[in-house]
Amino acid sequence: MTMKTIYLFLFFLFNFFLASSNSYGNTNGMSFIPAGKFNIGISTKEIYVDAFYIDKTEVTQKKFKELMGPSIFSFRGENHPAEQITWKKANAYCQKIGKRLPNELEWEKAAKGGTNTKYFWGNEPDATYAWYGGDYDIGHHPVGMKKPNSFGLFDTSGNVWEWTISKGETQSKYSEKKINKRIARGGSFNISSNLITSFSRISLYANSRLFNVGFRCAK
């Protein structure tokens, strides 16, 4: 093999890798979250998380229907978050496009954007960053309308809770019956500001279909 052939091979290999990397990240509406430690909640406990990518916005109704077919939503709007989606369907959507649901540690690290404050923007509520405190009749809002965090992620606080792949309770507190719960993060449009922090979490039955629970994918 001549030096010219080797050079051409390396040139095309480099460009292929560059194109693949761009497609894998920003051009698909995802943000890169670097590997490293972060503080859980408001504690000083640090956890290491590997690098990953995560969607900049919650999955919209338009994107969900294009892939999964006709769906019933409580509050309709093409650019509104897809809700009334069970954990299983959210997970299936992500898998169909070569992604997955984030685990809750990944979700929290991404949502915090490198901060260790109550919210990713500081310690006081700020409606320029999140939808919260609205009543049930108003509903959620189009994604990406508020200010993003430092990773370029929108609506990690408020709008709708977001499914993660992490398990919640697996056994009833009142019996030995097995149950299937999953963790959702971030709060929603219809709750108070103290429940939309970067570490807000709830445990929901995986087959729940709720008007204020959506999701975003990771990779």
N, C-alpha and C. Protein backbone atom coordinates (compact mmCIF):
# COMPACT_ATOMS: atom_id res chain seq x y z
N MET A 1 0.86 -1.20 0.00
CA MET A 1 0.00 0.00 0.00
C MET A 1 0.89 1.24 0.00
N THR A 2 0.65 2.15 -0.94
CA THR A 2 1.48 3.35 -1.05
C THR A 2 1.09 4.36 0.02
N MET A 3 1.98 5.35 0.22
CA MET A 3 1.71 6.40 1.19
C MET A 3 0.48 7.21 0.78
N LYS A 4 0.31 7.41 -0.54
CA LYS A 4 -0.84 8.16 -1.02
C LYS A 4 -2.14 7.44 -0.69
N THR A 5 -2.15 6.12 -0.87
CA THR A 5 -3.34 5.32 -0.56
C THR A 5 -3.66 5.38 0.92
N ILE A 6 -2.60 5.28 1.75
CA ILE A 6 -2.79 5.36 3.21
C ILE A 6 -3.35 6.72 3.60
N TYR A 7 -2.80 7.76 2.98
CA TYR A 7 -3.27 9.12 3.27
C TYR A 7 -4.75 9.28 2.92
N LEU A 8 -5.13 8.81 1.76
CA LEU A 8 -6.53 8.91 1.33
C LEU A 8 -7.46 8.12 2.26
N PHE A 9 -6.99 6.93 2.65
CA PHE A 9 -7.79 6.10 3.55
C PHE A 9 -8.03 6.81 4.89
N LEU A 10 -6.95 7.39 5.45
CA LEU A 10 -7.06 8.10 6.72
C LEU A 10 -7.93 9.35 6.59
N PHE A 11 -7.83 10.02 5.43
CA PHE A 11 -8.63 11.21 5.18
C PHE A 11 -10.12 10.89 5.19
N PHE A 12 -10.51 9.84 4.46
CA PHE A 12 -11.92 9.46 4.40
C PHE A 12 -12.41 8.91 5.74
N LEU A 13 -11.51 8.20 6.45
CA LEU A 13 -11.88 7.67 7.76
C LEU A 13 -12.15 8.81 8.73
N PHE A 14 -11.32 9.83 8.72
CA PHE A 14 -11.50 10.99 9.59
C PHE A 14 -12.80 11.70 9.30
N ASN A 15 -13.10 11.93 8.01
CA ASN A 15 -14.33 12.62 7.66
C ASN A 15 -15.58 11.81 8.00
N PHE A 16 -15.46 10.48 7.85
CA PHE A 16 -16.58 9.62 8.24
C PHE A 16 -16.85 9.72 9.74
N PHE A 17 -15.77 9.68 10.53
CA PHE A 17 -15.88 9.79 11.98
C PHE A 17 -16.46 11.14 12.38
N LEU A 18 -16.01 12.21 11.72
CA LEU A 18 -16.50 13.55 12.03
C LEU A 18 -17.97 13.67 11.73
N ALA A 19 -18.39 13.17 10.59
CA ALA A 19 -19.80 13.23 10.21
C ALA A 19 -20.66 12.43 11.18
N SER A 20 -20.15 11.25 11.58
CA SER A 20 -20.90 10.40 12.51
C SER A 20 -21.04 11.08 13.86
N SER A 21 -19.96 11.74 14.31
CA SER A 21 -19.99 12.40 15.60
C SER A 21 -20.98 13.54 15.61
N ASN A 22 -21.01 14.33 14.52
CA ASN A 22 -21.94 15.45 14.45
C ASN A 22 -23.38 14.96 14.45
N SER A 23 -23.64 13.88 13.70
CA SER A 23 -24.99 13.33 13.64
C SER A 23 -25.42 12.79 15.00
N TYR A 24 -24.46 12.20 15.69
CA TYR A 24 -24.73 11.59 16.98
C TYR A 24 -25.09 12.63 18.02
N GLY A 25 -24.57 13.83 17.87
CA GLY A 25 -24.78 14.85 18.88
C GLY A 25 -25.72 15.96 18.47
N ASN A 26 -25.17 17.14 18.26
CA ASN A 26 -25.97 18.35 18.14
C ASN A 26 -26.93 18.38 16.96
N THR A 27 -26.58 17.78 15.83
CA THR A 27 -27.46 17.88 14.68
C THR A 27 -28.74 17.08 14.85
N ASN A 28 -28.78 16.20 15.83
CA ASN A 28 -30.00 15.45 16.12
C ASN A 28 -30.76 16.04 17.31
N GLY A 29 -30.47 17.27 17.64
CA GLY A 29 -31.17 17.91 18.75
C GLY A 29 -30.79 17.37 20.12
N MET A 30 -29.55 16.88 20.24
CA MET A 30 -29.09 16.36 21.53
C MET A 30 -27.91 17.19 22.03
N SER A 31 -27.71 17.17 23.33
CA SER A 31 -26.56 17.83 23.95
C SER A 31 -25.63 16.79 24.54
N PHE A 32 -24.33 17.06 24.45
CA PHE A 32 -23.32 16.18 25.02
C PHE A 32 -23.12 16.53 26.49
N ILE A 33 -23.19 15.52 27.34
CA ILE A 33 -22.94 15.71 28.77
C ILE A 33 -21.63 15.00 29.10
N PRO A 34 -20.59 15.73 29.45
CA PRO A 34 -19.27 15.11 29.65
C PRO A 34 -19.22 14.21 30.88
N ALA A 35 -18.30 13.26 30.86
CA ALA A 35 -18.10 12.38 32.01
C ALA A 35 -17.57 13.18 33.20
N GLY A 36 -17.88 12.72 34.39
CA GLY A 36 -17.38 13.40 35.57
C GLY A 36 -18.31 13.25 36.76
N LYS A 37 -17.90 13.82 37.88
CA LYS A 37 -18.68 13.75 39.11
C LYS A 37 -19.64 14.93 39.22
N PHE A 38 -20.71 14.72 39.97
CA PHE A 38 -21.62 15.81 40.29
C PHE A 38 -22.22 15.53 41.66
N ASN A 39 -22.75 16.59 42.30
CA ASN A 39 -23.35 16.45 43.62
C ASN A 39 -24.82 16.08 43.51
N ILE A 40 -25.21 15.01 44.19
CA ILE A 40 -26.62 14.60 44.20
C ILE A 40 -27.42 15.55 45.09
N GLY A 41 -28.55 16.00 44.59
CA GLY A 41 -29.41 16.89 45.36
C GLY A 41 -28.66 18.14 45.78
N ILE A 42 -28.80 18.50 47.05
CA ILE A 42 -28.05 19.64 47.58
C ILE A 42 -26.96 19.15 48.54
N SER A 43 -26.65 17.88 48.46
CA SER A 43 -25.65 17.28 49.35
C SER A 43 -24.24 17.49 48.80
N THR A 44 -23.27 17.04 49.58
CA THR A 44 -21.88 17.10 49.14
C THR A 44 -21.43 15.74 48.59
N LYS A 45 -22.37 14.79 48.53
CA LYS A 45 -22.04 13.47 48.01
C LYS A 45 -21.88 13.52 46.50
N GLU A 46 -20.72 13.06 46.02
CA GLU A 46 -20.43 13.10 44.60
C GLU A 46 -20.57 11.72 43.96
N ILE A 47 -21.13 11.71 42.76
CA ILE A 47 -21.31 10.48 42.00
C ILE A 47 -20.70 10.68 40.61
N TYR A 48 -19.96 9.67 40.15
CA TYR A 48 -19.37 9.74 38.81
C TYR A 48 -20.36 9.18 37.80
N VAL A 49 -20.51 9.88 36.68
CA VAL A 49 -21.39 9.45 35.59
C VAL A 49 -20.61 9.51 34.28
N ASP A 50 -20.68 8.46 33.49
CA ASP A 50 -20.02 8.42 32.19
C ASP A 50 -20.64 9.45 31.24
N ALA A 51 -19.91 9.79 30.20
CA ALA A 51 -20.41 10.74 29.20
C ALA A 51 -21.61 10.14 28.46
N PHE A 52 -22.53 11.01 28.06
CA PHE A 52 -23.71 10.57 27.30
C PHE A 52 -24.30 11.77 26.57
N TYR A 53 -25.27 11.48 25.73
CA TYR A 53 -26.03 12.52 25.05
C TYR A 53 -27.47 12.48 25.53
N ILE A 54 -28.14 13.63 25.52
CA ILE A 54 -29.54 13.68 25.93
C ILE A 54 -30.28 14.72 25.09
N ASP A 55 -31.56 14.46 24.81
CA ASP A 55 -32.36 15.38 24.01
C ASP A 55 -32.43 16.76 24.66
N LYS A 56 -32.38 17.78 23.84
CA LYS A 56 -32.46 19.14 24.37
C LYS A 56 -33.85 19.49 24.86
N THR A 57 -34.86 18.85 24.29
CA THR A 57 -36.24 19.12 24.70
C THR A 57 -36.97 17.82 24.99
N GLU A 58 -38.10 17.95 25.63
CA GLU A 58 -38.99 16.81 25.80
C GLU A 58 -39.51 16.39 24.43
N VAL A 59 -39.77 15.11 24.25
CA VAL A 59 -40.29 14.61 22.98
C VAL A 59 -41.66 15.24 22.73
N THR A 60 -41.83 15.78 21.53
CA THR A 60 -43.08 16.47 21.21
C THR A 60 -44.15 15.49 20.71
N GLN A 61 -45.38 15.97 20.72
CA GLN A 61 -46.50 15.17 20.22
C GLN A 61 -46.32 14.87 18.73
N LYS A 62 -45.83 15.83 17.99
CA LYS A 62 -45.61 15.62 16.56
C LYS A 62 -44.64 14.48 16.32
N LYS A 63 -43.49 14.50 16.99
CA LYS A 63 -42.48 13.46 16.80
C LYS A 63 -42.98 12.10 17.27
N PHE A 64 -43.71 12.10 18.37
CA PHE A 64 -44.21 10.84 18.90
C PHE A 64 -45.19 10.19 17.93
N LYS A 65 -46.12 10.97 17.39
CA LYS A 65 -47.13 10.42 16.47
C LYS A 65 -46.51 9.96 15.16
N GLU A 66 -45.48 10.68 14.69
CA GLU A 66 -44.81 10.28 13.45
C GLU A 66 -44.23 8.87 13.55
N LEU A 67 -43.78 8.51 14.73
CA LEU A 67 -43.15 7.21 14.92
C LEU A 67 -44.11 6.14 15.46
N MET A 68 -44.96 6.54 16.40
CA MET A 68 -45.78 5.56 17.12
C MET A 68 -47.24 5.52 16.66
N GLY A 69 -47.62 6.41 15.76
CA GLY A 69 -48.98 6.41 15.25
C GLY A 69 -49.92 7.28 16.08
N PRO A 70 -51.22 7.25 15.77
CA PRO A 70 -52.21 8.08 16.46
C PRO A 70 -52.16 7.89 17.97
N SER A 71 -52.23 8.99 18.70
CA SER A 71 -52.16 8.93 20.16
C SER A 71 -53.13 9.96 20.74
N ILE A 72 -53.57 9.70 21.94
CA ILE A 72 -54.49 10.60 22.62
C ILE A 72 -53.73 11.39 23.68
N PHE A 73 -53.78 12.71 23.58
CA PHE A 73 -53.12 13.57 24.55
C PHE A 73 -54.17 14.42 25.27
N SER A 74 -53.89 14.79 26.51
CA SER A 74 -54.82 15.60 27.28
C SER A 74 -54.86 17.04 26.77
N PHE A 75 -53.70 17.59 26.49
CA PHE A 75 -53.58 18.96 25.98
C PHE A 75 -52.85 18.88 24.65
N ARG A 76 -53.54 19.18 23.57
CA ARG A 76 -52.98 18.94 22.24
C ARG A 76 -52.18 20.12 21.70
N GLY A 77 -51.14 19.79 20.95
CA GLY A 77 -50.31 20.79 20.31
C GLY A 77 -49.09 20.11 19.74
N GLU A 78 -48.81 20.32 18.47
CA GLU A 78 -47.70 19.60 17.82
C GLU A 78 -46.39 19.74 18.57
N ASN A 79 -46.11 20.93 19.09
CA ASN A 79 -44.83 21.17 19.77
C ASN A 79 -44.95 21.09 21.29
N HIS A 80 -46.10 20.63 21.77
CA HIS A 80 -46.25 20.37 23.19
C HIS A 80 -45.65 19.01 23.50
N PRO A 81 -45.27 18.77 24.76
CA PRO A 81 -44.70 17.46 25.10
C PRO A 81 -45.73 16.34 24.95
N ALA A 82 -45.27 15.19 24.47
CA ALA A 82 -46.11 14.01 24.41
C ALA A 82 -46.36 13.53 25.84
N GLU A 83 -47.62 13.45 26.24
CA GLU A 83 -47.97 12.98 27.58
C GLU A 83 -49.05 11.91 27.46
N GLN A 84 -49.57 11.45 28.59
CA GLN A 84 -50.45 10.28 28.61
C GLN A 84 -49.71 9.09 27.98
N ILE A 85 -48.40 9.05 28.20
CA ILE A 85 -47.55 8.00 27.65
C ILE A 85 -47.05 7.12 28.80
N THR A 86 -47.30 5.83 28.74
CA THR A 86 -46.78 4.94 29.77
C THR A 86 -45.26 4.86 29.67
N TRP A 87 -44.66 4.39 30.76
CA TRP A 87 -43.20 4.22 30.75
C TRP A 87 -42.78 3.27 29.62
N LYS A 88 -43.54 2.21 29.43
CA LYS A 88 -43.21 1.22 28.41
C LYS A 88 -43.21 1.83 27.02
N LYS A 89 -44.20 2.68 26.72
CA LYS A 89 -44.27 3.31 25.40
C LYS A 89 -43.17 4.35 25.22
N ALA A 90 -42.86 5.07 26.30
CA ALA A 90 -41.76 6.04 26.22
C ALA A 90 -40.45 5.33 25.94
N ASN A 91 -40.23 4.23 26.62
CA ASN A 91 -39.01 3.45 26.42
C ASN A 91 -38.96 2.87 25.01
N ALA A 92 -40.11 2.40 24.51
CA ALA A 92 -40.18 1.83 23.15
C ALA A 92 -39.87 2.89 22.10
N TYR A 93 -40.38 4.09 22.30
CA TYR A 93 -40.11 5.19 21.36
C TYR A 93 -38.61 5.43 21.26
N CYS A 94 -37.96 5.57 22.41
CA CYS A 94 -36.52 5.85 22.42
C CYS A 94 -35.75 4.73 21.72
N GLN A 95 -36.11 3.49 21.99
CA GLN A 95 -35.41 2.36 21.41
C GLN A 95 -35.59 2.31 19.89
N LYS A 96 -36.75 2.70 19.41
CA LYS A 96 -37.00 2.67 17.97
C LYS A 96 -36.12 3.62 17.19
N ILE A 97 -35.64 4.66 17.84
CA ILE A 97 -34.77 5.62 17.15
C ILE A 97 -33.31 5.46 17.60
N GLY A 98 -33.00 4.30 18.17
CA GLY A 98 -31.62 4.02 18.56
C GLY A 98 -31.17 4.74 19.81
N LYS A 99 -32.10 5.12 20.67
CA LYS A 99 -31.77 5.81 21.91
C LYS A 99 -32.31 5.01 23.08
N ARG A 100 -32.44 5.64 24.22
CA ARG A 100 -32.96 5.01 25.43
C ARG A 100 -33.42 6.09 26.38
N LEU A 101 -34.14 5.70 27.41
CA LEU A 101 -34.45 6.65 28.47
C LEU A 101 -33.21 6.85 29.34
N PRO A 102 -32.98 8.06 29.85
CA PRO A 102 -31.84 8.25 30.76
C PRO A 102 -32.12 7.62 32.11
N ASN A 103 -31.07 7.21 32.81
CA ASN A 103 -31.30 6.84 34.22
C ASN A 103 -31.38 8.13 35.03
N GLU A 104 -31.83 8.02 36.27
CA GLU A 104 -32.10 9.27 36.99
C GLU A 104 -30.85 10.03 37.39
N LEU A 105 -29.72 9.35 37.53
CA LEU A 105 -28.47 10.07 37.81
C LEU A 105 -28.04 10.87 36.58
N GLU A 106 -28.15 10.27 35.40
CA GLU A 106 -27.85 11.00 34.17
C GLU A 106 -28.77 12.19 34.04
N TRP A 107 -30.06 11.94 34.29
CA TRP A 107 -31.04 13.02 34.15
C TRP A 107 -30.69 14.19 35.06
N GLU A 108 -30.37 13.89 36.32
CA GLU A 108 -30.08 14.96 37.28
C GLU A 108 -28.82 15.72 36.91
N LYS A 109 -27.79 15.00 36.50
CA LYS A 109 -26.55 15.68 36.10
C LYS A 109 -26.81 16.61 34.93
N ALA A 110 -27.56 16.13 33.95
CA ALA A 110 -27.87 16.95 32.77
C ALA A 110 -28.72 18.15 33.17
N ALA A 111 -29.70 17.93 34.03
CA ALA A 111 -30.62 19.00 34.44
C ALA A 111 -29.91 20.10 35.23
N LYS A 112 -28.94 19.72 36.04
CA LYS A 112 -28.24 20.70 36.87
C LYS A 112 -27.32 21.61 36.05
N GLY A 113 -26.85 21.12 34.92
CA GLY A 113 -26.00 21.95 34.08
C GLY A 113 -24.72 22.41 34.76
N GLY A 114 -24.17 21.58 35.65
CA GLY A 114 -22.93 21.94 36.32
C GLY A 114 -23.11 22.77 37.57
N THR A 115 -24.34 23.03 37.99
CA THR A 115 -24.60 23.83 39.18
C THR A 115 -24.87 22.94 40.38
N ASN A 116 -24.90 23.54 41.56
CA ASN A 116 -25.26 22.80 42.78
C ASN A 116 -26.24 23.62 43.60
N THR A 117 -27.07 24.40 42.90
CA THR A 117 -28.08 25.22 43.54
C THR A 117 -29.43 24.51 43.49
N LYS A 118 -30.43 25.08 44.13
CA LYS A 118 -31.76 24.46 44.19
C LYS A 118 -32.34 24.26 42.79
N TYR A 119 -32.20 25.27 41.96
CA TYR A 119 -32.60 25.19 40.55
C TYR A 119 -31.34 25.37 39.70
N PHE A 120 -31.40 25.02 38.43
CA PHE A 120 -30.18 25.14 37.63
C PHE A 120 -29.79 26.60 37.40
N TRP A 121 -30.68 27.53 37.68
CA TRP A 121 -30.38 28.96 37.49
C TRP A 121 -30.06 29.67 38.82
N GLY A 122 -30.29 29.02 39.96
CA GLY A 122 -30.05 29.67 41.24
C GLY A 122 -30.89 29.06 42.34
N ASN A 123 -31.11 29.81 43.41
CA ASN A 123 -31.85 29.28 44.56
C ASN A 123 -33.26 29.85 44.71
N GLU A 124 -33.66 30.73 43.81
CA GLU A 124 -35.00 31.31 43.87
C GLU A 124 -35.77 30.97 42.61
N PRO A 125 -37.10 30.77 42.72
CA PRO A 125 -37.91 30.48 41.53
C PRO A 125 -37.80 31.61 40.51
N ASP A 126 -37.86 31.26 39.23
CA ASP A 126 -37.76 32.24 38.16
C ASP A 126 -38.56 31.73 36.97
N ALA A 127 -39.66 32.40 36.67
CA ALA A 127 -40.57 31.95 35.61
C ALA A 127 -39.99 32.13 34.22
N THR A 128 -38.84 32.77 34.09
CA THR A 128 -38.23 32.87 32.76
C THR A 128 -37.53 31.56 32.37
N TYR A 129 -37.38 30.65 33.35
CA TYR A 129 -36.71 29.38 33.09
C TYR A 129 -37.65 28.18 33.10
N ALA A 130 -38.83 28.32 33.69
CA ALA A 130 -39.67 27.13 33.88
C ALA A 130 -41.16 27.47 33.92
N TRP A 131 -41.97 26.50 33.47
CA TRP A 131 -43.42 26.57 33.61
C TRP A 131 -43.79 25.85 34.91
N TYR A 132 -44.47 26.57 35.82
CA TYR A 132 -44.89 25.97 37.08
C TYR A 132 -46.01 26.81 37.68
N GLY A 133 -46.70 26.24 38.66
CA GLY A 133 -47.72 26.99 39.38
C GLY A 133 -49.00 27.25 38.61
N GLY A 134 -49.17 26.68 37.42
CA GLY A 134 -50.39 26.87 36.65
C GLY A 134 -51.47 25.90 37.09
N ASP A 135 -52.73 26.16 36.72
CA ASP A 135 -53.80 25.25 37.13
C ASP A 135 -54.01 24.15 36.08
N TYR A 136 -54.83 23.18 36.43
CA TYR A 136 -55.02 22.00 35.59
C TYR A 136 -55.63 22.34 34.24
N ASP A 137 -56.43 23.39 34.18
CA ASP A 137 -57.13 23.73 32.93
C ASP A 137 -56.21 24.38 31.89
N ILE A 138 -55.15 25.01 32.34
CA ILE A 138 -54.24 25.69 31.41
C ILE A 138 -53.42 24.69 30.60
N GLY A 139 -52.93 23.67 31.28
CA GLY A 139 -52.15 22.63 30.60
C GLY A 139 -50.68 22.99 30.45
N HIS A 140 -49.96 22.08 29.83
CA HIS A 140 -48.53 22.30 29.60
C HIS A 140 -48.33 23.22 28.40
N HIS A 141 -47.08 23.47 28.04
CA HIS A 141 -46.76 24.47 27.03
C HIS A 141 -45.81 23.89 25.98
N PRO A 142 -45.69 24.55 24.83
CA PRO A 142 -44.73 24.09 23.81
C PRO A 142 -43.33 23.98 24.41
N VAL A 143 -42.57 23.01 23.97
CA VAL A 143 -41.22 22.81 24.50
C VAL A 143 -40.28 23.92 24.01
N GLY A 144 -39.25 24.18 24.78
CA GLY A 144 -38.20 25.11 24.35
C GLY A 144 -38.56 26.57 24.38
N MET A 145 -39.58 26.95 25.14
CA MET A 145 -40.00 28.36 25.19
C MET A 145 -39.30 29.15 26.29
N LYS A 146 -38.82 28.47 27.29
CA LYS A 146 -38.12 29.12 28.40
C LYS A 146 -36.61 29.08 28.19
N LYS A 147 -35.86 29.74 29.07
CA LYS A 147 -34.40 29.76 28.95
C LYS A 147 -33.81 28.38 29.25
N PRO A 148 -32.77 27.98 28.51
CA PRO A 148 -32.13 26.67 28.75
C PRO A 148 -31.08 26.74 29.84
N ASN A 149 -30.60 25.57 30.27
CA ASN A 149 -29.48 25.55 31.20
C ASN A 149 -28.16 25.60 30.42
N SER A 150 -27.05 25.46 31.11
CA SER A 150 -25.74 25.63 30.47
C SER A 150 -25.42 24.52 29.48
N PHE A 151 -26.13 23.39 29.55
CA PHE A 151 -25.96 22.31 28.58
C PHE A 151 -26.88 22.47 27.37
N GLY A 152 -27.68 23.53 27.38
CA GLY A 152 -28.61 23.76 26.28
C GLY A 152 -29.89 22.97 26.38
N LEU A 153 -30.24 22.50 27.58
CA LEU A 153 -31.46 21.72 27.78
C LEU A 153 -32.60 22.62 28.24
N PHE A 154 -33.78 22.38 27.67
CA PHE A 154 -34.98 23.15 28.01
C PHE A 154 -35.94 22.33 28.86
N ASP A 155 -36.65 23.01 29.74
CA ASP A 155 -37.77 22.42 30.49
C ASP A 155 -37.40 21.25 31.39
N THR A 156 -36.17 21.21 31.88
CA THR A 156 -35.85 20.16 32.85
C THR A 156 -36.50 20.47 34.19
N SER A 157 -36.92 21.72 34.38
CA SER A 157 -37.74 22.09 35.52
C SER A 157 -39.12 22.48 35.00
N GLY A 158 -40.16 21.86 35.54
CA GLY A 158 -41.52 22.21 35.14
C GLY A 158 -41.96 21.66 33.80
N ASN A 159 -43.05 22.16 33.31
CA ASN A 159 -43.75 21.74 32.09
C ASN A 159 -44.35 20.35 32.27
N VAL A 160 -43.57 19.26 32.13
CA VAL A 160 -44.06 17.93 32.50
C VAL A 160 -42.96 17.14 33.21
N TRP A 161 -43.37 16.25 34.11
CA TRP A 161 -42.43 15.31 34.68
C TRP A 161 -41.86 14.45 33.55
N GLU A 162 -40.69 13.88 33.75
CA GLU A 162 -40.05 13.10 32.70
C GLU A 162 -39.66 11.71 33.21
N TRP A 163 -40.12 10.69 32.47
CA TRP A 163 -39.76 9.32 32.81
C TRP A 163 -38.25 9.10 32.74
N THR A 164 -37.73 8.29 33.64
CA THR A 164 -36.36 7.78 33.52
C THR A 164 -36.44 6.26 33.50
N ILE A 165 -35.32 5.62 33.20
CA ILE A 165 -35.30 4.16 33.16
C ILE A 165 -35.16 3.56 34.56
N SER A 166 -34.87 4.39 35.54
CA SER A 166 -34.60 3.92 36.90
C SER A 166 -35.86 3.39 37.59
N LYS A 167 -35.69 2.30 38.33
CA LYS A 167 -36.81 1.69 39.03
C LYS A 167 -37.16 2.42 40.31
N GLY A 168 -38.45 2.45 40.61
CA GLY A 168 -38.93 2.92 41.90
C GLY A 168 -39.19 1.70 42.77
N GLU A 169 -40.31 1.72 43.52
CA GLU A 169 -40.63 0.58 44.36
C GLU A 169 -40.92 -0.67 43.53
N THR A 170 -40.47 -1.80 44.00
CA THR A 170 -40.72 -3.08 43.33
C THR A 170 -41.60 -4.00 44.18
N GLN A 171 -41.93 -3.55 45.40
CA GLN A 171 -42.80 -4.34 46.27
C GLN A 171 -43.68 -3.41 47.07
N SER A 172 -44.94 -3.78 47.21
CA SER A 172 -45.90 -2.97 47.95
C SER A 172 -45.47 -2.79 49.40
N LYS A 173 -45.71 -1.59 49.94
CA LYS A 173 -45.38 -1.32 51.33
C LYS A 173 -46.35 -2.01 52.27
N TYR A 174 -47.49 -2.40 51.74
CA TYR A 174 -48.54 -2.96 52.58
C TYR A 174 -48.73 -4.46 52.41
N SER A 175 -48.06 -5.04 51.44
CA SER A 175 -48.14 -6.48 51.22
C SER A 175 -46.85 -6.93 50.52
N GLU A 176 -46.77 -8.20 50.21
CA GLU A 176 -45.60 -8.70 49.52
C GLU A 176 -45.80 -8.70 48.00
N LYS A 177 -46.86 -8.09 47.56
CA LYS A 177 -47.17 -8.06 46.13
C LYS A 177 -46.12 -7.26 45.35
N LYS A 178 -45.67 -7.83 44.23
CA LYS A 178 -44.70 -7.13 43.40
C LYS A 178 -45.37 -6.02 42.61
N ILE A 179 -44.71 -4.91 42.51
CA ILE A 179 -45.22 -3.77 41.74
C ILE A 179 -44.10 -3.25 40.83
N ASN A 180 -44.49 -2.51 39.82
CA ASN A 180 -43.52 -1.98 38.86
C ASN A 180 -43.64 -0.47 38.80
N LYS A 181 -42.76 0.20 39.50
CA LYS A 181 -42.76 1.66 39.48
C LYS A 181 -41.45 2.16 38.87
N ARG A 182 -41.53 3.33 38.27
CA ARG A 182 -40.36 3.98 37.68
C ARG A 182 -40.28 5.42 38.17
N ILE A 183 -39.07 5.95 38.16
CA ILE A 183 -38.84 7.30 38.66
C ILE A 183 -39.05 8.33 37.54
N ALA A 184 -39.77 9.39 37.86
CA ALA A 184 -39.91 10.54 36.97
C ALA A 184 -39.28 11.74 37.65
N ARG A 185 -38.74 12.65 36.86
CA ARG A 185 -37.98 13.76 37.42
C ARG A 185 -38.46 15.11 36.89
N GLY A 186 -38.17 16.17 37.67
CA GLY A 186 -38.25 17.53 37.15
C GLY A 186 -39.47 18.37 37.43
N GLY A 187 -40.57 17.77 37.90
CA GLY A 187 -41.76 18.57 38.16
C GLY A 187 -42.57 18.88 36.93
N SER A 188 -43.68 19.63 37.12
CA SER A 188 -44.58 19.92 36.01
C SER A 188 -45.22 21.28 36.14
N PHE A 189 -46.01 21.65 35.14
CA PHE A 189 -46.60 22.98 35.04
C PHE A 189 -47.59 23.28 36.16
N ASN A 190 -48.19 22.25 36.75
CA ASN A 190 -49.32 22.45 37.66
C ASN A 190 -48.96 22.32 39.13
N ILE A 191 -47.65 22.35 39.44
CA ILE A 191 -47.26 22.23 40.85
C ILE A 191 -46.45 23.46 41.28
N SER A 192 -46.21 23.56 42.56
CA SER A 192 -45.53 24.73 43.10
C SER A 192 -44.04 24.71 42.80
N SER A 193 -43.42 25.85 43.00
CA SER A 193 -42.01 26.02 42.64
C SER A 193 -41.07 25.12 43.43
N ASN A 194 -41.45 24.75 44.65
CA ASN A 194 -40.54 23.93 45.46
C ASN A 194 -40.48 22.48 44.98
N LEU A 195 -41.30 22.11 43.97
CA LEU A 195 -41.30 20.75 43.44
C LEU A 195 -40.75 20.66 42.02
N ILE A 196 -40.12 21.74 41.54
CA ILE A 196 -39.53 21.71 40.20
C ILE A 196 -38.01 21.89 40.26
N THR A 197 -37.42 21.48 41.36
CA THR A 197 -35.98 21.63 41.51
C THR A 197 -35.24 20.61 40.64
N SER A 198 -33.94 20.76 40.56
CA SER A 198 -33.12 19.84 39.77
C SER A 198 -33.07 18.44 40.38
N PHE A 199 -33.55 18.30 41.62
CA PHE A 199 -33.54 16.99 42.27
C PHE A 199 -34.94 16.51 42.64
N SER A 200 -35.99 17.16 42.13
CA SER A 200 -37.36 16.70 42.38
C SER A 200 -37.58 15.35 41.70
N ARG A 201 -38.22 14.43 42.40
CA ARG A 201 -38.45 13.09 41.86
C ARG A 201 -39.73 12.50 42.44
N ILE A 202 -40.39 11.67 41.65
CA ILE A 202 -41.54 10.91 42.13
C ILE A 202 -41.45 9.49 41.56
N SER A 203 -42.10 8.56 42.25
CA SER A 203 -42.15 7.17 41.82
C SER A 203 -43.56 6.88 41.35
N LEU A 204 -43.70 6.47 40.09
CA LEU A 204 -45.01 6.25 39.47
C LEU A 204 -45.14 4.83 38.95
N TYR A 205 -46.36 4.31 38.95
CA TYR A 205 -46.58 3.02 38.31
C TYR A 205 -46.21 3.12 36.84
N ALA A 206 -45.49 2.12 36.34
CA ALA A 206 -44.98 2.17 34.97
C ALA A 206 -46.10 2.22 33.92
N ASN A 207 -47.29 1.74 34.28
CA ASN A 207 -48.40 1.77 33.32
C ASN A 207 -49.28 3.01 33.47
N SER A 208 -48.82 3.99 34.26
CA SER A 208 -49.56 5.25 34.43
C SER A 208 -49.60 6.04 33.13
N ARG A 209 -50.75 6.64 32.86
CA ARG A 209 -50.89 7.56 31.73
C ARG A 209 -51.40 8.88 32.28
N LEU A 210 -50.50 9.83 32.45
CA LEU A 210 -50.83 11.08 33.14
C LEU A 210 -50.63 12.29 32.24
N PHE A 211 -51.48 13.29 32.44
CA PHE A 211 -51.45 14.49 31.59
C PHE A 211 -50.22 15.35 31.83
N ASN A 212 -49.50 15.12 32.92
CA ASN A 212 -48.35 15.95 33.25
C ASN A 212 -47.05 15.17 33.32
N VAL A 213 -46.99 14.04 32.61
CA VAL A 213 -45.77 13.23 32.56
C VAL A 213 -45.40 12.94 31.11
N GLY A 214 -44.19 13.33 30.72
CA GLY A 214 -43.66 13.08 29.38
C GLY A 214 -42.29 12.45 29.50
N PHE A 215 -41.42 12.74 28.54
CA PHE A 215 -40.07 12.13 28.56
C PHE A 215 -39.17 12.78 27.54
N ARG A 216 -37.88 12.51 27.68
CA ARG A 216 -36.88 12.82 26.68
C ARG A 216 -35.93 11.63 26.61
N CYS A 217 -35.22 11.48 25.51
CA CYS A 217 -34.36 10.31 25.30
C CYS A 217 -32.88 10.67 25.51
N ALA A 218 -32.10 9.64 25.76
CA ALA A 218 -30.65 9.76 25.91
C ALA A 218 -29.96 8.75 25.01
N LYS A 219 -28.64 8.85 24.97
CA LYS A 219 -27.86 7.92 24.15
C LYS A 219 -26.43 7.87 24.65
